[in-house]
Amino acid sequence: MNDMKKDTYTLWIDDELVATRDHNRDGYNDLLAEASEVQGKASCEIYSSKDDQAVWTSDSETIIEEQAAQAAEWWDSVCEVYEPNCYDGTYSEM
């Protein structure tokens, strides 16, 4: 049996769990799109199980479009640049 926990993003609107997605860029973007549907009407939070904290929040007056650039910038900041390395076995000339 596999007991490994799968990391997820969860969307909370007014302290109610609304949706859960995989912990990847598509999952994050999906939740951000769902949050945009209630923008200006409710407080929203995207929580990361991997980071064990909220990675994006919005109060009832926040406009999502203004934060879209910040979301992309945040995602890029947490993703490592992958470069194959011949010394750690991640590089092959095949």
N, C-alpha and C. Protein backbone atom coordinates (compact mmCIF):
# COMPACT_ATOMS: atom_id res chain seq x y z
N MET A 1 0.84 -1.17 0.00
CA MET A 1 0.00 0.00 0.00
C MET A 1 0.89 1.24 0.00
N ASN A 2 0.50 2.25 -0.75
CA ASN A 2 1.27 3.48 -0.84
C ASN A 2 0.71 4.49 0.16
N ASP A 3 1.51 4.83 1.17
CA ASP A 3 1.07 5.78 2.19
C ASP A 3 1.58 7.19 1.94
N MET A 4 2.15 7.43 0.77
CA MET A 4 2.67 8.76 0.48
C MET A 4 1.52 9.73 0.27
N LYS A 5 1.66 10.89 0.89
CA LYS A 5 0.64 11.91 0.77
C LYS A 5 0.84 12.70 -0.53
N LYS A 6 -0.22 12.90 -1.28
CA LYS A 6 -0.16 13.66 -2.51
C LYS A 6 -0.39 15.14 -2.18
N ASP A 7 0.54 16.00 -2.58
CA ASP A 7 0.41 17.42 -2.30
C ASP A 7 -0.68 18.05 -3.17
N THR A 8 -1.44 18.95 -2.56
CA THR A 8 -2.55 19.58 -3.25
C THR A 8 -2.63 21.07 -2.93
N TYR A 9 -3.38 21.77 -3.76
CA TYR A 9 -3.83 23.12 -3.46
C TYR A 9 -5.31 23.02 -3.12
N THR A 10 -5.76 23.81 -2.16
CA THR A 10 -7.18 23.86 -1.84
C THR A 10 -7.65 25.30 -1.88
N LEU A 11 -8.86 25.49 -2.35
CA LEU A 11 -9.48 26.81 -2.40
C LEU A 11 -10.51 26.92 -1.29
N TRP A 12 -10.36 27.96 -0.47
CA TRP A 12 -11.29 28.24 0.62
C TRP A 12 -11.96 29.57 0.32
N ILE A 13 -13.28 29.59 0.33
CA ILE A 13 -14.02 30.83 0.15
C ILE A 13 -14.85 31.05 1.41
N ASP A 14 -14.63 32.18 2.06
CA ASP A 14 -15.30 32.49 3.33
C ASP A 14 -15.21 31.31 4.30
N ASP A 15 -14.00 30.77 4.47
CA ASP A 15 -13.71 29.69 5.41
C ASP A 15 -14.41 28.36 5.09
N GLU A 16 -14.85 28.19 3.85
CA GLU A 16 -15.45 26.94 3.42
C GLU A 16 -14.61 26.33 2.30
N LEU A 17 -14.25 25.06 2.44
CA LEU A 17 -13.48 24.36 1.41
C LEU A 17 -14.35 24.20 0.16
N VAL A 18 -13.86 24.74 -0.96
CA VAL A 18 -14.64 24.74 -2.20
C VAL A 18 -14.08 23.75 -3.22
N ALA A 19 -12.75 23.66 -3.32
CA ALA A 19 -12.16 22.80 -4.35
C ALA A 19 -10.75 22.38 -3.94
N THR A 20 -10.33 21.25 -4.49
CA THR A 20 -8.98 20.72 -4.29
C THR A 20 -8.41 20.35 -5.65
N ARG A 21 -7.16 20.71 -5.88
CA ARG A 21 -6.49 20.40 -7.15
C ARG A 21 -5.08 19.88 -6.87
N ASP A 22 -4.49 19.23 -7.88
CA ASP A 22 -3.10 18.77 -7.78
C ASP A 22 -2.17 19.96 -7.56
N HIS A 23 -1.06 19.68 -6.91
CA HIS A 23 -0.07 20.72 -6.59
C HIS A 23 0.84 20.94 -7.80
N ASN A 24 0.29 21.59 -8.80
CA ASN A 24 1.07 21.97 -9.99
C ASN A 24 0.52 23.29 -10.52
N ARG A 25 1.15 23.80 -11.54
CA ARG A 25 0.75 25.11 -12.05
C ARG A 25 -0.70 25.12 -12.56
N ASP A 26 -1.11 24.05 -13.25
CA ASP A 26 -2.49 23.98 -13.75
C ASP A 26 -3.50 23.99 -12.60
N GLY A 27 -3.20 23.23 -11.56
CA GLY A 27 -4.08 23.19 -10.41
C GLY A 27 -4.21 24.55 -9.75
N TYR A 28 -3.09 25.23 -9.59
CA TYR A 28 -3.08 26.57 -9.00
C TYR A 28 -3.89 27.54 -9.87
N ASN A 29 -3.65 27.50 -11.18
CA ASN A 29 -4.37 28.40 -12.09
C ASN A 29 -5.87 28.12 -12.09
N ASP A 30 -6.26 26.84 -12.03
CA ASP A 30 -7.67 26.48 -11.96
C ASP A 30 -8.35 27.10 -10.74
N LEU A 31 -7.68 27.00 -9.60
CA LEU A 31 -8.25 27.55 -8.38
C LEU A 31 -8.31 29.07 -8.42
N LEU A 32 -7.30 29.68 -9.02
CA LEU A 32 -7.31 31.13 -9.16
C LEU A 32 -8.48 31.56 -10.05
N ALA A 33 -8.75 30.80 -11.10
CA ALA A 33 -9.87 31.11 -11.98
C ALA A 33 -11.20 30.97 -11.23
N GLU A 34 -11.31 29.92 -10.40
CA GLU A 34 -12.54 29.76 -9.61
C GLU A 34 -12.71 30.91 -8.63
N ALA A 35 -11.61 31.34 -8.02
CA ALA A 35 -11.69 32.46 -7.07
C ALA A 35 -12.11 33.74 -7.77
N SER A 36 -11.73 33.90 -9.04
CA SER A 36 -12.08 35.12 -9.76
C SER A 36 -13.59 35.25 -9.96
N GLU A 37 -14.31 34.13 -9.92
CA GLU A 37 -15.76 34.16 -10.09
C GLU A 37 -16.47 34.85 -8.93
N VAL A 38 -15.85 34.88 -7.76
CA VAL A 38 -16.46 35.51 -6.59
C VAL A 38 -15.70 36.76 -6.16
N GLN A 39 -14.81 37.25 -7.02
CA GLN A 39 -14.00 38.40 -6.64
C GLN A 39 -14.87 39.57 -6.23
N GLY A 40 -14.45 40.24 -5.19
CA GLY A 40 -15.16 41.38 -4.68
C GLY A 40 -16.39 41.03 -3.86
N LYS A 41 -16.72 39.75 -3.75
CA LYS A 41 -17.92 39.33 -3.02
C LYS A 41 -17.59 38.50 -1.77
N ALA A 42 -16.40 37.90 -1.76
CA ALA A 42 -16.05 37.01 -0.66
C ALA A 42 -14.54 37.00 -0.46
N SER A 43 -14.11 36.56 0.70
CA SER A 43 -12.67 36.40 0.93
C SER A 43 -12.27 35.00 0.47
N CYS A 44 -11.12 34.92 -0.20
CA CYS A 44 -10.64 33.65 -0.76
C CYS A 44 -9.22 33.38 -0.29
N GLU A 45 -8.89 32.09 -0.27
CA GLU A 45 -7.53 31.69 0.11
C GLU A 45 -7.18 30.40 -0.63
N ILE A 46 -5.99 30.38 -1.22
CA ILE A 46 -5.47 29.15 -1.80
C ILE A 46 -4.38 28.65 -0.86
N TYR A 47 -4.57 27.43 -0.40
CA TYR A 47 -3.69 26.83 0.60
C TYR A 47 -2.88 25.71 -0.05
N SER A 48 -1.60 25.65 0.27
CA SER A 48 -0.71 24.62 -0.25
C SER A 48 -0.40 23.61 0.84
N SER A 49 -0.71 22.33 0.59
CA SER A 49 -0.37 21.30 1.57
C SER A 49 1.14 21.08 1.62
N LYS A 50 1.80 21.34 0.51
CA LYS A 50 3.25 21.17 0.45
C LYS A 50 3.96 22.22 1.29
N ASP A 51 3.51 23.48 1.16
CA ASP A 51 4.12 24.58 1.92
C ASP A 51 3.51 24.73 3.31
N ASP A 52 2.38 24.05 3.55
CA ASP A 52 1.65 24.11 4.80
C ASP A 52 1.29 25.54 5.18
N GLN A 53 0.83 26.30 4.19
CA GLN A 53 0.42 27.67 4.43
C GLN A 53 -0.38 28.20 3.24
N ALA A 54 -1.01 29.34 3.45
CA ALA A 54 -1.71 29.99 2.35
C ALA A 54 -0.69 30.58 1.39
N VAL A 55 -0.88 30.35 0.10
CA VAL A 55 0.05 30.88 -0.89
C VAL A 55 -0.57 32.04 -1.67
N TRP A 56 -1.88 32.23 -1.47
CA TRP A 56 -2.57 33.36 -2.10
C TRP A 56 -3.83 33.66 -1.30
N THR A 57 -4.06 34.93 -1.02
CA THR A 57 -5.27 35.33 -0.30
C THR A 57 -5.88 36.55 -0.97
N SER A 58 -7.16 36.70 -0.76
CA SER A 58 -7.90 37.82 -1.31
C SER A 58 -9.00 38.18 -0.34
N ASP A 59 -9.14 39.47 -0.06
CA ASP A 59 -10.28 39.86 0.77
C ASP A 59 -11.46 40.16 -0.15
N SER A 60 -12.54 40.57 0.41
CA SER A 60 -13.75 40.76 -0.39
C SER A 60 -13.66 41.95 -1.35
N GLU A 61 -12.58 42.73 -1.28
CA GLU A 61 -12.45 43.89 -2.16
C GLU A 61 -11.31 43.75 -3.17
N THR A 62 -10.60 42.63 -3.16
CA THR A 62 -9.46 42.44 -4.04
C THR A 62 -9.92 42.13 -5.46
N ILE A 63 -9.25 42.69 -6.43
CA ILE A 63 -9.53 42.41 -7.82
C ILE A 63 -8.50 41.42 -8.33
N ILE A 64 -8.94 40.27 -8.80
CA ILE A 64 -8.06 39.17 -9.20
C ILE A 64 -7.12 39.57 -10.33
N GLU A 65 -7.62 40.30 -11.31
CA GLU A 65 -6.78 40.65 -12.47
C GLU A 65 -5.50 41.37 -12.04
N GLU A 66 -5.58 42.16 -10.98
CA GLU A 66 -4.40 42.88 -10.51
C GLU A 66 -3.36 41.93 -9.94
N GLN A 67 -3.80 40.76 -9.48
CA GLN A 67 -2.87 39.83 -8.85
C GLN A 67 -2.42 38.71 -9.78
N ALA A 68 -2.91 38.68 -11.01
CA ALA A 68 -2.53 37.60 -11.94
C ALA A 68 -1.04 37.60 -12.20
N ALA A 69 -0.45 38.78 -12.39
CA ALA A 69 0.99 38.87 -12.62
C ALA A 69 1.76 38.42 -11.38
N GLN A 70 1.25 38.76 -10.20
CA GLN A 70 1.90 38.34 -8.96
C GLN A 70 1.86 36.83 -8.81
N ALA A 71 0.77 36.20 -9.24
CA ALA A 71 0.65 34.75 -9.13
C ALA A 71 1.68 34.06 -10.01
N ALA A 72 1.83 34.53 -11.24
CA ALA A 72 2.81 33.93 -12.15
C ALA A 72 4.23 34.14 -11.61
N GLU A 73 4.48 35.31 -11.08
CA GLU A 73 5.80 35.60 -10.51
C GLU A 73 6.07 34.71 -9.31
N TRP A 74 5.05 34.50 -8.45
CA TRP A 74 5.23 33.63 -7.30
C TRP A 74 5.55 32.20 -7.75
N TRP A 75 4.78 31.69 -8.73
CA TRP A 75 4.99 30.32 -9.19
C TRP A 75 6.42 30.15 -9.71
N ASP A 76 6.87 31.10 -10.51
CA ASP A 76 8.23 31.02 -11.04
C ASP A 76 9.27 31.06 -9.93
N SER A 77 8.98 31.76 -8.84
CA SER A 77 9.94 31.87 -7.75
C SER A 77 10.06 30.57 -6.96
N VAL A 78 9.01 29.75 -6.93
CA VAL A 78 9.09 28.51 -6.17
C VAL A 78 9.53 27.31 -7.00
N CYS A 79 9.54 27.47 -8.31
CA CYS A 79 9.98 26.39 -9.18
C CYS A 79 11.48 26.50 -9.43
N GLU A 80 12.15 25.40 -9.28
CA GLU A 80 13.58 25.38 -9.54
C GLU A 80 13.84 25.24 -11.03
N VAL A 81 14.90 25.88 -11.47
CA VAL A 81 15.32 25.70 -12.86
C VAL A 81 16.05 24.36 -12.93
N TYR A 82 15.60 23.51 -13.83
CA TYR A 82 16.18 22.18 -13.93
C TYR A 82 17.28 22.17 -14.98
N GLU A 83 18.46 21.77 -14.56
CA GLU A 83 19.57 21.60 -15.48
C GLU A 83 20.18 20.23 -15.22
N PRO A 84 20.20 19.38 -16.24
CA PRO A 84 20.80 18.06 -16.06
C PRO A 84 22.26 18.18 -15.61
N ASN A 85 22.67 17.25 -14.79
CA ASN A 85 24.01 17.30 -14.23
C ASN A 85 24.63 15.91 -14.38
N CYS A 86 25.79 15.85 -15.01
CA CYS A 86 26.45 14.56 -15.23
C CYS A 86 26.95 13.93 -13.93
N TYR A 87 27.06 14.72 -12.86
CA TYR A 87 27.58 14.20 -11.61
C TYR A 87 26.50 13.60 -10.71
N ASP A 88 25.23 13.93 -10.92
CA ASP A 88 24.19 13.37 -10.06
C ASP A 88 23.29 12.38 -10.79
N GLY A 89 23.65 11.99 -12.00
CA GLY A 89 22.92 10.98 -12.72
C GLY A 89 21.70 11.49 -13.49
N THR A 90 21.54 12.80 -13.60
CA THR A 90 20.38 13.36 -14.31
C THR A 90 20.72 13.75 -15.74
N TYR A 91 21.92 13.47 -16.18
CA TYR A 91 22.34 13.85 -17.53
C TYR A 91 22.75 12.60 -18.30
N SER A 92 22.31 12.52 -19.53
CA SER A 92 22.67 11.40 -20.36
C SER A 92 22.84 11.89 -21.79
N GLU A 93 23.83 11.36 -22.49
CA GLU A 93 24.06 11.76 -23.88
C GLU A 93 23.34 10.85 -24.85
N MET A 94 22.43 10.02 -24.37
CA MET A 94 21.70 9.08 -25.23
C MET A 94 20.76 9.82 -26.14
